[in-house]
Amino acid sequence: MIAFLTGRVAARGAGSAVIDVGGVGMTVQCTPSALSRLHVGETGTVATSLVVREESLTLFGFADDDEKHLFEQVQTASGVGPRLALAMLSVHSPSSLRHAVSTEDTAALTRVPGIGKKGAQRIVLELRGKLETPVLTDGTLPGADAAGPAGGPDGAWRGQVVSGLVNLGWPAKDAEAAAAAVADEAEETEDVAVLLRSALRRLSRA
């Protein structure tokens, strides 16, 4: 089991990054919050979960152990595989996802591409009361050392938001429009994870 990776970020794309660990490039499928902390040429760390299939080995990367833990927990619900679990954490933060399940907010869950009304009801039924908040390995609560804005003054957040939306299955035209719609929010924060979730909410209401 590969619990985490630390190394130089060799590349970063829509939904994934390549981390150079001891001369070996490891491709990691990442949540938006994890990607927002990774910068090409700099050293980065991601918590990881290895998914083993007969035909493939896939590493999924997270901003912290809380995201990773929740990614693994939601897959205990029938019909939720790693790709859908990653999409859930792309649309919702861990706290909002727990809140949606605990309050039976199926409308919030259906904002995730791939989850319909019946699927949301099943997820609530199977996961309600199971998504506890873990304490991280250093004894702190999740989010205690959350990273700051990742986009920078050049507005790089827009390209990352568009890429993230396209990677989740939205047409490029709709992704561009959703990114433009959250531009006002970018004046307050350029955190890619926050802006991507806001753009997804707008697309889901359209």
N, C-alpha and C. Protein backbone atom coordinates (compact mmCIF):
# COMPACT_ATOMS: atom_id res chain seq x y z
N MET A 1 0.84 -1.20 0.00
CA MET A 1 0.00 0.00 0.00
C MET A 1 0.87 1.24 0.00
N ILE A 2 0.62 2.15 -0.94
CA ILE A 2 1.36 3.41 -1.01
C ILE A 2 0.52 4.47 -0.32
N ALA A 3 0.95 4.90 0.87
CA ALA A 3 0.15 5.81 1.68
C ALA A 3 0.29 7.27 1.26
N PHE A 4 1.48 7.65 0.75
CA PHE A 4 1.67 9.01 0.29
C PHE A 4 2.87 9.05 -0.64
N LEU A 5 2.97 10.16 -1.39
CA LEU A 5 4.12 10.39 -2.27
C LEU A 5 4.68 11.78 -2.00
N THR A 6 5.99 11.87 -1.97
CA THR A 6 6.66 13.17 -1.89
C THR A 6 7.75 13.20 -2.94
N GLY A 7 7.74 14.23 -3.77
CA GLY A 7 8.75 14.35 -4.81
C GLY A 7 8.54 15.60 -5.63
N ARG A 8 9.39 15.77 -6.63
CA ARG A 8 9.29 16.94 -7.50
C ARG A 8 8.12 16.74 -8.47
N VAL A 9 7.31 17.77 -8.61
CA VAL A 9 6.18 17.70 -9.54
C VAL A 9 6.72 17.90 -10.96
N ALA A 10 6.68 16.84 -11.76
CA ALA A 10 7.23 16.89 -13.11
C ALA A 10 6.22 17.43 -14.12
N ALA A 11 4.94 17.19 -13.86
CA ALA A 11 3.89 17.66 -14.78
C ALA A 11 2.57 17.70 -14.04
N ARG A 12 1.68 18.55 -14.54
CA ARG A 12 0.34 18.64 -13.96
C ARG A 12 -0.65 18.91 -15.08
N GLY A 13 -1.69 18.11 -15.14
CA GLY A 13 -2.69 18.28 -16.20
C GLY A 13 -4.08 18.34 -15.62
N ALA A 14 -5.07 18.05 -16.47
CA ALA A 14 -6.47 18.08 -16.04
C ALA A 14 -6.78 16.84 -15.22
N GLY A 15 -6.77 17.00 -13.91
CA GLY A 15 -7.14 15.90 -13.04
C GLY A 15 -6.02 14.98 -12.62
N SER A 16 -4.81 15.26 -13.04
CA SER A 16 -3.71 14.36 -12.66
C SER A 16 -2.39 15.11 -12.60
N ALA A 17 -1.42 14.48 -11.97
CA ALA A 17 -0.07 15.04 -11.89
C ALA A 17 0.93 13.90 -11.97
N VAL A 18 2.14 14.23 -12.40
CA VAL A 18 3.25 13.28 -12.41
C VAL A 18 4.25 13.74 -11.37
N ILE A 19 4.54 12.88 -10.40
CA ILE A 19 5.47 13.22 -9.33
C ILE A 19 6.71 12.33 -9.46
N ASP A 20 7.86 12.99 -9.53
CA ASP A 20 9.14 12.29 -9.65
C ASP A 20 9.59 11.85 -8.26
N VAL A 21 9.52 10.55 -8.00
CA VAL A 21 9.93 9.99 -6.72
C VAL A 21 11.16 9.13 -6.95
N GLY A 22 12.32 9.67 -6.60
CA GLY A 22 13.57 8.92 -6.77
C GLY A 22 13.85 8.54 -8.20
N GLY A 23 13.49 9.41 -9.14
CA GLY A 23 13.76 9.15 -10.55
C GLY A 23 12.67 8.36 -11.26
N VAL A 24 11.61 8.03 -10.54
CA VAL A 24 10.48 7.30 -11.14
C VAL A 24 9.28 8.24 -11.18
N GLY A 25 8.72 8.45 -12.38
CA GLY A 25 7.56 9.32 -12.52
C GLY A 25 6.27 8.58 -12.19
N MET A 26 5.60 9.00 -11.14
CA MET A 26 4.36 8.36 -10.69
C MET A 26 3.17 9.23 -11.11
N THR A 27 2.28 8.68 -11.94
CA THR A 27 1.08 9.40 -12.34
C THR A 27 0.01 9.23 -11.27
N VAL A 28 -0.56 10.33 -10.81
CA VAL A 28 -1.55 10.30 -9.74
C VAL A 28 -2.81 11.05 -10.19
N GLN A 29 -3.96 10.39 -10.10
CA GLN A 29 -5.24 11.04 -10.37
C GLN A 29 -5.64 11.80 -9.11
N CYS A 30 -5.83 13.11 -9.22
CA CYS A 30 -5.96 13.94 -8.02
C CYS A 30 -7.29 14.67 -7.91
N THR A 31 -7.67 14.96 -6.67
CA THR A 31 -8.79 15.86 -6.42
C THR A 31 -8.35 17.29 -6.74
N PRO A 32 -9.29 18.20 -7.00
CA PRO A 32 -8.91 19.59 -7.27
C PRO A 32 -8.10 20.22 -6.15
N SER A 33 -8.45 19.91 -4.90
CA SER A 33 -7.72 20.50 -3.78
C SER A 33 -6.28 19.99 -3.73
N ALA A 34 -6.07 18.73 -4.11
CA ALA A 34 -4.71 18.19 -4.14
C ALA A 34 -3.92 18.85 -5.28
N LEU A 35 -4.54 18.97 -6.44
CA LEU A 35 -3.86 19.59 -7.58
C LEU A 35 -3.49 21.04 -7.32
N SER A 36 -4.34 21.75 -6.58
CA SER A 36 -4.09 23.16 -6.32
C SER A 36 -2.83 23.38 -5.50
N ARG A 37 -2.36 22.33 -4.83
CA ARG A 37 -1.16 22.45 -3.99
C ARG A 37 0.11 21.99 -4.71
N LEU A 38 -0.05 21.48 -5.92
CA LEU A 38 1.09 20.96 -6.66
C LEU A 38 1.51 21.93 -7.74
N HIS A 39 2.78 22.28 -7.75
CA HIS A 39 3.31 23.24 -8.72
C HIS A 39 4.52 22.63 -9.42
N VAL A 40 4.49 22.65 -10.76
CA VAL A 40 5.54 22.04 -11.56
C VAL A 40 6.90 22.60 -11.18
N GLY A 41 7.86 21.69 -10.95
CA GLY A 41 9.22 22.08 -10.58
C GLY A 41 9.46 22.18 -9.10
N GLU A 42 8.38 22.15 -8.31
CA GLU A 42 8.51 22.22 -6.86
C GLU A 42 8.23 20.86 -6.23
N THR A 43 8.65 20.70 -4.99
CA THR A 43 8.39 19.46 -4.26
C THR A 43 6.97 19.47 -3.71
N GLY A 44 6.28 18.38 -3.91
CA GLY A 44 4.91 18.29 -3.42
C GLY A 44 4.66 16.96 -2.74
N THR A 45 3.64 16.93 -1.91
CA THR A 45 3.24 15.72 -1.20
C THR A 45 1.74 15.50 -1.35
N VAL A 46 1.35 14.28 -1.64
CA VAL A 46 -0.08 13.94 -1.70
C VAL A 46 -0.30 12.64 -0.93
N ALA A 47 -1.39 12.59 -0.18
CA ALA A 47 -1.83 11.32 0.39
C ALA A 47 -2.37 10.49 -0.77
N THR A 48 -2.16 9.18 -0.75
CA THR A 48 -2.56 8.38 -1.90
C THR A 48 -3.32 7.12 -1.50
N SER A 49 -4.14 6.67 -2.44
CA SER A 49 -4.85 5.41 -2.30
C SER A 49 -4.62 4.63 -3.59
N LEU A 50 -4.13 3.41 -3.47
CA LEU A 50 -3.83 2.58 -4.64
C LEU A 50 -5.02 1.67 -4.94
N VAL A 51 -5.55 1.79 -6.15
CA VAL A 51 -6.67 0.94 -6.57
C VAL A 51 -6.13 -0.12 -7.53
N VAL A 52 -6.30 -1.36 -7.17
CA VAL A 52 -5.77 -2.48 -7.96
C VAL A 52 -6.89 -3.14 -8.74
N ARG A 53 -6.71 -3.20 -10.04
CA ARG A 53 -7.62 -3.92 -10.92
C ARG A 53 -6.81 -4.96 -11.68
N GLU A 54 -7.50 -5.92 -12.25
CA GLU A 54 -6.81 -6.99 -12.97
C GLU A 54 -5.93 -6.43 -14.08
N GLU A 55 -6.41 -5.36 -14.73
CA GLU A 55 -5.69 -4.83 -15.88
C GLU A 55 -4.89 -3.56 -15.57
N SER A 56 -4.99 -3.04 -14.34
CA SER A 56 -4.32 -1.77 -14.06
C SER A 56 -4.08 -1.55 -12.58
N LEU A 57 -3.12 -0.67 -12.31
CA LEU A 57 -2.86 -0.14 -10.97
C LEU A 57 -2.99 1.38 -11.08
N THR A 58 -3.88 1.97 -10.29
CA THR A 58 -4.11 3.41 -10.38
C THR A 58 -3.93 4.06 -9.02
N LEU A 59 -3.12 5.11 -9.00
CA LEU A 59 -2.92 5.88 -7.78
C LEU A 59 -3.84 7.11 -7.79
N PHE A 60 -4.56 7.30 -6.70
CA PHE A 60 -5.39 8.48 -6.54
C PHE A 60 -4.77 9.34 -5.45
N GLY A 61 -4.72 10.66 -5.69
CA GLY A 61 -4.05 11.57 -4.76
C GLY A 61 -4.99 12.57 -4.11
N PHE A 62 -4.65 12.93 -2.86
CA PHE A 62 -5.52 13.78 -2.05
C PHE A 62 -4.72 14.83 -1.29
N ALA A 63 -5.43 15.91 -0.94
CA ALA A 63 -4.77 17.00 -0.22
C ALA A 63 -4.35 16.59 1.18
N ASP A 64 -5.11 15.68 1.79
CA ASP A 64 -4.78 15.24 3.15
C ASP A 64 -5.40 13.87 3.41
N ASP A 65 -5.14 13.33 4.59
CA ASP A 65 -5.66 12.01 4.95
C ASP A 65 -7.17 11.98 5.06
N ASP A 66 -7.78 13.13 5.34
CA ASP A 66 -9.24 13.18 5.46
C ASP A 66 -9.89 12.90 4.11
N GLU A 67 -9.42 13.58 3.07
CA GLU A 67 -9.94 13.32 1.72
C GLU A 67 -9.74 11.85 1.34
N LYS A 68 -8.56 11.35 1.61
CA LYS A 68 -8.25 9.95 1.28
C LYS A 68 -9.19 9.01 2.01
N HIS A 69 -9.39 9.24 3.29
CA HIS A 69 -10.23 8.37 4.11
C HIS A 69 -11.67 8.39 3.59
N LEU A 70 -12.16 9.57 3.23
CA LEU A 70 -13.52 9.68 2.74
C LEU A 70 -13.66 9.02 1.37
N PHE A 71 -12.66 9.18 0.52
CA PHE A 71 -12.62 8.53 -0.79
C PHE A 71 -12.82 7.02 -0.64
N GLU A 72 -12.13 6.44 0.33
CA GLU A 72 -12.23 5.00 0.55
C GLU A 72 -13.55 4.62 1.21
N GLN A 73 -14.07 5.49 2.08
CA GLN A 73 -15.33 5.19 2.76
C GLN A 73 -16.52 5.17 1.81
N VAL A 74 -16.60 6.17 0.92
CA VAL A 74 -17.78 6.25 0.06
C VAL A 74 -17.86 5.08 -0.91
N GLN A 75 -16.73 4.44 -1.15
CA GLN A 75 -16.74 3.29 -2.06
C GLN A 75 -17.35 2.04 -1.42
N THR A 76 -17.66 2.10 -0.14
CA THR A 76 -18.35 0.98 0.49
C THR A 76 -19.83 0.97 0.13
N ALA A 77 -20.33 2.06 -0.48
CA ALA A 77 -21.71 2.10 -0.96
C ALA A 77 -21.77 1.40 -2.31
N SER A 78 -22.79 0.62 -2.53
CA SER A 78 -22.91 -0.11 -3.79
C SER A 78 -23.04 0.87 -4.95
N GLY A 79 -22.33 0.56 -6.02
CA GLY A 79 -22.37 1.40 -7.21
C GLY A 79 -21.39 2.55 -7.22
N VAL A 80 -20.63 2.72 -6.15
CA VAL A 80 -19.64 3.81 -6.08
C VAL A 80 -18.24 3.23 -6.25
N GLY A 81 -17.64 3.49 -7.39
CA GLY A 81 -16.28 3.07 -7.64
C GLY A 81 -15.32 4.22 -7.45
N PRO A 82 -14.03 4.01 -7.71
CA PRO A 82 -13.05 5.07 -7.47
C PRO A 82 -13.26 6.32 -8.31
N ARG A 83 -13.68 6.16 -9.56
CA ARG A 83 -13.89 7.34 -10.41
C ARG A 83 -15.04 8.19 -9.89
N LEU A 84 -16.12 7.55 -9.49
CA LEU A 84 -17.26 8.30 -8.96
C LEU A 84 -16.91 8.91 -7.61
N ALA A 85 -16.15 8.18 -6.80
CA ALA A 85 -15.72 8.72 -5.50
C ALA A 85 -14.87 9.96 -5.70
N LEU A 86 -13.99 9.93 -6.72
CA LEU A 86 -13.16 11.10 -7.01
C LEU A 86 -14.02 12.26 -7.48
N ALA A 87 -15.04 11.97 -8.29
CA ALA A 87 -15.95 13.03 -8.75
C ALA A 87 -16.69 13.65 -7.58
N MET A 88 -17.07 12.83 -6.60
CA MET A 88 -17.77 13.34 -5.42
C MET A 88 -16.90 14.33 -4.66
N LEU A 89 -15.60 14.04 -4.58
CA LEU A 89 -14.69 14.93 -3.87
C LEU A 89 -14.22 16.09 -4.74
N SER A 90 -14.56 16.05 -6.02
CA SER A 90 -14.29 17.19 -6.89
C SER A 90 -15.40 18.21 -6.78
N VAL A 91 -16.62 17.73 -6.55
CA VAL A 91 -17.77 18.63 -6.41
C VAL A 91 -17.92 19.14 -4.98
N HIS A 92 -17.69 18.26 -4.02
CA HIS A 92 -17.92 18.60 -2.61
C HIS A 92 -16.63 18.51 -1.80
N SER A 93 -16.48 19.38 -0.84
CA SER A 93 -15.42 19.24 0.15
C SER A 93 -15.80 18.08 1.06
N PRO A 94 -14.86 17.51 1.80
CA PRO A 94 -15.21 16.43 2.73
C PRO A 94 -16.32 16.82 3.71
N SER A 95 -16.26 18.04 4.23
CA SER A 95 -17.28 18.45 5.21
C SER A 95 -18.66 18.58 4.57
N SER A 96 -18.72 19.14 3.35
CA SER A 96 -20.03 19.30 2.70
C SER A 96 -20.58 17.96 2.25
N LEU A 97 -19.70 17.03 1.89
CA LEU A 97 -20.16 15.70 1.50
C LEU A 97 -20.72 14.96 2.70
N ARG A 98 -20.04 15.05 3.84
CA ARG A 98 -20.56 14.44 5.06
C ARG A 98 -21.91 15.06 5.45
N HIS A 99 -22.00 16.37 5.30
CA HIS A 99 -23.24 17.07 5.67
C HIS A 99 -24.38 16.62 4.76
N ALA A 100 -24.11 16.48 3.46
CA ALA A 100 -25.14 16.05 2.53
C ALA A 100 -25.68 14.68 2.88
N VAL A 101 -24.77 13.78 3.25
CA VAL A 101 -25.19 12.41 3.60
C VAL A 101 -25.95 12.41 4.93
N SER A 102 -25.42 13.12 5.92
CA SER A 102 -26.04 13.09 7.26
C SER A 102 -27.41 13.75 7.29
N THR A 103 -27.61 14.76 6.42
CA THR A 103 -28.90 15.46 6.38
C THR A 103 -29.81 14.94 5.27
N GLU A 104 -29.36 13.88 4.60
CA GLU A 104 -30.14 13.26 3.52
C GLU A 104 -30.43 14.25 2.40
N ASP A 105 -29.44 15.09 2.10
CA ASP A 105 -29.58 16.09 1.05
C ASP A 105 -29.24 15.46 -0.30
N THR A 106 -30.21 14.74 -0.86
CA THR A 106 -29.96 14.04 -2.12
C THR A 106 -29.75 15.00 -3.28
N ALA A 107 -30.33 16.20 -3.19
CA ALA A 107 -30.14 17.19 -4.25
C ALA A 107 -28.68 17.58 -4.37
N ALA A 108 -28.00 17.70 -3.23
CA ALA A 108 -26.58 18.04 -3.26
C ALA A 108 -25.77 16.92 -3.90
N LEU A 109 -26.15 15.69 -3.62
CA LEU A 109 -25.41 14.55 -4.17
C LEU A 109 -25.62 14.43 -5.67
N THR A 110 -26.81 14.79 -6.17
CA THR A 110 -27.05 14.66 -7.61
C THR A 110 -26.32 15.73 -8.41
N ARG A 111 -25.67 16.67 -7.75
CA ARG A 111 -24.83 17.63 -8.48
C ARG A 111 -23.57 16.96 -9.01
N VAL A 112 -23.26 15.79 -8.48
CA VAL A 112 -22.08 15.05 -8.93
C VAL A 112 -22.41 14.34 -10.23
N PRO A 113 -21.64 14.57 -11.31
CA PRO A 113 -21.89 13.85 -12.56
C PRO A 113 -21.85 12.33 -12.33
N GLY A 114 -22.90 11.65 -12.76
CA GLY A 114 -22.94 10.20 -12.58
C GLY A 114 -23.83 9.73 -11.45
N ILE A 115 -24.34 10.68 -10.64
CA ILE A 115 -25.24 10.31 -9.54
C ILE A 115 -26.63 10.86 -9.82
N GLY A 116 -27.59 9.95 -9.98
CA GLY A 116 -28.98 10.34 -10.18
C GLY A 116 -29.72 10.32 -8.85
N LYS A 117 -31.02 10.55 -8.92
CA LYS A 117 -31.81 10.62 -7.70
C LYS A 117 -31.80 9.30 -6.93
N LYS A 118 -31.99 8.20 -7.65
CA LYS A 118 -32.01 6.90 -6.98
C LYS A 118 -30.64 6.55 -6.42
N GLY A 119 -29.60 6.89 -7.16
CA GLY A 119 -28.24 6.64 -6.67
C GLY A 119 -27.95 7.44 -5.41
N ALA A 120 -28.41 8.69 -5.39
CA ALA A 120 -28.21 9.54 -4.21
C ALA A 120 -28.94 8.97 -3.01
N GLN A 121 -30.15 8.48 -3.22
CA GLN A 121 -30.91 7.89 -2.12
C GLN A 121 -30.22 6.64 -1.58
N ARG A 122 -29.66 5.85 -2.48
CA ARG A 122 -28.95 4.64 -2.06
C ARG A 122 -27.70 4.99 -1.26
N ILE A 123 -26.97 6.00 -1.72
CA ILE A 123 -25.75 6.42 -1.02
C ILE A 123 -26.08 6.90 0.38
N VAL A 124 -27.13 7.70 0.50
CA VAL A 124 -27.54 8.19 1.81
C VAL A 124 -27.91 7.02 2.72
N LEU A 125 -28.69 6.09 2.20
CA LEU A 125 -29.13 4.94 2.99
C LEU A 125 -27.96 4.11 3.49
N GLU A 126 -26.97 3.90 2.63
CA GLU A 126 -25.86 3.01 2.97
C GLU A 126 -24.75 3.69 3.76
N LEU A 127 -24.62 5.01 3.63
CA LEU A 127 -23.49 5.70 4.28
C LEU A 127 -23.88 6.55 5.49
N ARG A 128 -25.17 6.78 5.68
CA ARG A 128 -25.59 7.63 6.79
C ARG A 128 -25.08 7.06 8.12
N GLY A 129 -24.39 7.92 8.89
CA GLY A 129 -23.85 7.51 10.18
C GLY A 129 -22.48 6.85 10.11
N LYS A 130 -21.96 6.69 8.90
CA LYS A 130 -20.67 6.00 8.75
C LYS A 130 -19.52 6.94 8.40
N LEU A 131 -19.81 8.17 8.01
CA LEU A 131 -18.77 9.07 7.54
C LEU A 131 -18.25 9.96 8.67
N GLU A 132 -17.63 9.33 9.65
CA GLU A 132 -17.10 10.09 10.78
C GLU A 132 -15.89 10.90 10.35
N THR A 133 -15.57 11.94 11.12
CA THR A 133 -14.41 12.77 10.83
C THR A 133 -13.19 12.22 11.56
N PRO A 134 -12.18 11.74 10.85
CA PRO A 134 -10.99 11.19 11.51
C PRO A 134 -10.02 12.29 11.94
N VAL A 135 -9.20 11.99 12.90
CA VAL A 135 -8.11 12.88 13.28
C VAL A 135 -6.89 12.48 12.48
N LEU A 136 -6.15 13.46 11.97
CA LEU A 136 -4.99 13.16 11.16
C LEU A 136 -3.86 12.59 12.00
N THR A 137 -2.84 12.09 11.32
CA THR A 137 -1.76 11.39 12.01
C THR A 137 -0.98 12.28 12.96
N ASP A 138 -1.01 13.61 12.71
CA ASP A 138 -0.27 14.50 13.61
C ASP A 138 -1.14 14.99 14.76
N GLY A 139 -2.37 14.47 14.86
CA GLY A 139 -3.25 14.83 15.96
C GLY A 139 -4.14 16.01 15.69
N THR A 140 -4.03 16.63 14.51
CA THR A 140 -4.86 17.78 14.18
C THR A 140 -6.10 17.33 13.44
N LEU A 141 -7.07 18.24 13.36
CA LEU A 141 -8.27 17.95 12.59
C LEU A 141 -8.04 18.29 11.14
N PRO A 142 -8.75 17.64 10.22
CA PRO A 142 -8.58 17.93 8.81
C PRO A 142 -8.81 19.41 8.51
N GLY A 143 -7.97 19.95 7.59
CA GLY A 143 -8.14 21.33 7.18
C GLY A 143 -7.42 22.32 8.05
N ALA A 144 -6.75 21.86 9.11
CA ALA A 144 -6.09 22.78 10.03
C ALA A 144 -4.95 23.53 9.37
N ASP A 145 -4.34 22.93 8.33
CA ASP A 145 -3.23 23.59 7.64
C ASP A 145 -3.56 23.76 6.17
N ALA A 146 -4.82 24.13 5.89
CA ALA A 146 -5.26 24.25 4.51
C ALA A 146 -4.38 25.22 3.74
N ALA A 147 -4.10 24.87 2.49
CA ALA A 147 -3.24 25.71 1.66
C ALA A 147 -3.98 26.95 1.24
N GLY A 148 -3.23 27.99 0.93
CA GLY A 148 -3.82 29.24 0.49
C GLY A 148 -4.12 29.22 -0.99
N PRO A 149 -4.39 30.39 -1.57
CA PRO A 149 -4.72 30.49 -2.97
C PRO A 149 -3.65 29.88 -3.84
N ALA A 150 -4.08 29.19 -4.89
CA ALA A 150 -3.13 28.49 -5.75
C ALA A 150 -3.01 29.10 -7.13
N GLY A 151 -3.95 29.96 -7.49
CA GLY A 151 -3.96 30.44 -8.86
C GLY A 151 -2.90 31.48 -9.13
N GLY A 152 -2.65 32.36 -8.17
CA GLY A 152 -1.65 33.39 -8.35
C GLY A 152 -2.21 34.57 -9.14
N PRO A 153 -1.43 35.64 -9.25
CA PRO A 153 -1.91 36.86 -9.86
C PRO A 153 -2.18 36.74 -11.35
N ASP A 154 -1.69 35.69 -12.03
CA ASP A 154 -1.88 35.56 -13.46
C ASP A 154 -3.21 34.95 -13.81
N GLY A 155 -4.06 34.64 -12.79
CA GLY A 155 -5.37 34.08 -13.08
C GLY A 155 -5.32 32.67 -13.61
N ALA A 156 -4.30 31.91 -13.27
CA ALA A 156 -4.16 30.55 -13.77
C ALA A 156 -5.29 29.65 -13.31
N TRP A 157 -6.05 30.11 -12.33
CA TRP A 157 -7.17 29.30 -11.84
C TRP A 157 -8.15 28.98 -12.95
N ARG A 158 -8.35 29.89 -13.89
CA ARG A 158 -9.39 29.70 -14.91
C ARG A 158 -9.11 28.45 -15.76
N GLY A 159 -7.87 28.31 -16.21
CA GLY A 159 -7.52 27.16 -17.03
C GLY A 159 -7.67 25.85 -16.27
N GLN A 160 -7.32 25.89 -14.97
CA GLN A 160 -7.44 24.68 -14.16
C GLN A 160 -8.90 24.31 -13.92
N VAL A 161 -9.75 25.33 -13.72
CA VAL A 161 -11.18 25.06 -13.53
C VAL A 161 -11.78 24.47 -14.80
N VAL A 162 -11.47 25.08 -15.94
CA VAL A 162 -11.99 24.56 -17.21
C VAL A 162 -11.51 23.13 -17.45
N SER A 163 -10.23 22.88 -17.22
CA SER A 163 -9.69 21.54 -17.42
C SER A 163 -10.36 20.53 -16.49
N GLY A 164 -10.59 20.95 -15.24
CA GLY A 164 -11.22 20.06 -14.28
C GLY A 164 -12.65 19.71 -14.70
N LEU A 165 -13.40 20.70 -15.21
CA LEU A 165 -14.77 20.47 -15.64
C LEU A 165 -14.82 19.55 -16.86
N VAL A 166 -13.92 19.79 -17.79
CA VAL A 166 -13.86 18.93 -18.99
C VAL A 166 -13.50 17.51 -18.59
N ASN A 167 -12.58 17.37 -17.63
CA ASN A 167 -12.17 16.05 -17.16
C ASN A 167 -13.32 15.31 -16.49
N LEU A 168 -14.28 16.07 -15.93
CA LEU A 168 -15.45 15.47 -15.29
C LEU A 168 -16.58 15.21 -16.28
N GLY A 169 -16.34 15.53 -17.56
CA GLY A 169 -17.32 15.17 -18.58
C GLY A 169 -18.15 16.31 -19.16
N TRP A 170 -17.89 17.55 -18.73
CA TRP A 170 -18.67 18.67 -19.26
C TRP A 170 -18.09 19.14 -20.59
N PRO A 171 -18.91 19.57 -21.55
CA PRO A 171 -18.41 20.10 -22.81
C PRO A 171 -17.54 21.34 -22.57
N ALA A 172 -16.55 21.53 -23.41
CA ALA A 172 -15.62 22.65 -23.23
C ALA A 172 -16.34 23.99 -23.22
N LYS A 173 -17.37 24.15 -24.08
CA LYS A 173 -18.11 25.41 -24.14
C LYS A 173 -18.79 25.70 -22.81
N ASP A 174 -19.43 24.67 -22.22
CA ASP A 174 -20.10 24.85 -20.93
C ASP A 174 -19.08 25.11 -19.83
N ALA A 175 -17.93 24.44 -19.90
CA ALA A 175 -16.88 24.62 -18.90
C ALA A 175 -16.35 26.05 -18.91
N GLU A 176 -16.15 26.59 -20.12
CA GLU A 176 -15.67 27.97 -20.25
C GLU A 176 -16.69 28.95 -19.68
N ALA A 177 -17.97 28.70 -19.95
CA ALA A 177 -19.02 29.59 -19.46
C ALA A 177 -19.11 29.55 -17.94
N ALA A 178 -18.97 28.35 -17.37
CA ALA A 178 -19.05 28.21 -15.91
C ALA A 178 -17.85 28.90 -15.25
N ALA A 179 -16.68 28.78 -15.86
CA ALA A 179 -15.49 29.44 -15.31
C ALA A 179 -15.66 30.95 -15.33
N ALA A 180 -16.23 31.46 -16.42
CA ALA A 180 -16.46 32.91 -16.52
C ALA A 180 -17.47 33.36 -15.45
N ALA A 181 -18.43 32.49 -15.15
CA ALA A 181 -19.48 32.85 -14.19
C ALA A 181 -18.96 32.98 -12.77
N VAL A 182 -17.83 32.34 -12.47
CA VAL A 182 -17.30 32.42 -11.10
C VAL A 182 -16.13 33.41 -11.01
N ALA A 183 -15.94 34.19 -12.06
CA ALA A 183 -14.81 35.14 -12.06
C ALA A 183 -14.89 36.12 -10.90
N ASP A 184 -16.11 36.56 -10.56
CA ASP A 184 -16.26 37.50 -9.45
C ASP A 184 -15.76 36.87 -8.14
N GLU A 185 -16.01 35.58 -7.96
CA GLU A 185 -15.56 34.90 -6.74
C GLU A 185 -14.04 34.83 -6.69
N ALA A 186 -13.40 34.80 -7.86
CA ALA A 186 -11.94 34.71 -7.92
C ALA A 186 -11.27 35.97 -7.40
N GLU A 187 -12.03 37.06 -7.29
CA GLU A 187 -11.47 38.29 -6.72
C GLU A 187 -11.25 38.13 -5.22
N GLU A 188 -11.99 37.17 -4.62
CA GLU A 188 -11.84 36.93 -3.18
C GLU A 188 -10.94 35.74 -2.90
N THR A 189 -10.97 34.75 -3.78
CA THR A 189 -10.11 33.58 -3.61
C THR A 189 -9.79 32.99 -4.96
N GLU A 190 -8.56 32.54 -5.15
CA GLU A 190 -8.18 31.84 -6.36
C GLU A 190 -7.88 30.37 -6.04
N ASP A 191 -8.45 29.89 -4.95
CA ASP A 191 -8.32 28.48 -4.61
C ASP A 191 -9.08 27.68 -5.66
N VAL A 192 -8.36 26.89 -6.44
CA VAL A 192 -8.96 26.17 -7.56
C VAL A 192 -10.07 25.23 -7.10
N ALA A 193 -9.87 24.56 -5.98
CA ALA A 193 -10.88 23.61 -5.49
C ALA A 193 -12.19 24.33 -5.19
N VAL A 194 -12.12 25.49 -4.55
CA VAL A 194 -13.32 26.27 -4.20
C VAL A 194 -14.03 26.73 -5.47
N LEU A 195 -13.27 27.25 -6.43
CA LEU A 195 -13.86 27.78 -7.65
C LEU A 195 -14.44 26.67 -8.52
N LEU A 196 -13.78 25.52 -8.56
CA LEU A 196 -14.29 24.40 -9.34
C LEU A 196 -15.62 23.92 -8.78
N ARG A 197 -15.71 23.82 -7.47
CA ARG A 197 -16.98 23.39 -6.87
C ARG A 197 -18.10 24.39 -7.15
N SER A 198 -17.76 25.67 -7.10
CA SER A 198 -18.76 26.69 -7.39
C SER A 198 -19.21 26.60 -8.84
N ALA A 199 -18.28 26.37 -9.75
CA ALA A 199 -18.62 26.24 -11.18
C ALA A 199 -19.50 25.01 -11.40
N LEU A 200 -19.22 23.92 -10.70
CA LEU A 200 -20.01 22.71 -10.83
C LEU A 200 -21.44 22.94 -10.33
N ARG A 201 -21.58 23.68 -9.24
CA ARG A 201 -22.92 23.99 -8.74
C ARG A 201 -23.73 24.77 -9.76
N ARG A 202 -23.07 25.72 -10.44
CA ARG A 202 -23.77 26.52 -11.44
C ARG A 202 -24.19 25.65 -12.63
N LEU A 203 -23.31 24.73 -13.05
CA LEU A 203 -23.64 23.86 -14.17
C LEU A 203 -24.80 22.93 -13.79
N SER A 204 -24.81 22.47 -12.57
CA SER A 204 -25.85 21.53 -12.13
C SER A 204 -27.22 22.21 -12.06
N ARG A 205 -27.22 23.53 -11.84
CA ARG A 205 -28.50 24.26 -11.78
C ARG A 205 -28.99 24.68 -13.15
N ALA A 206 -28.09 24.62 -14.14
CA ALA A 206 -28.44 25.11 -15.49
C ALA A 206 -29.49 24.22 -16.15
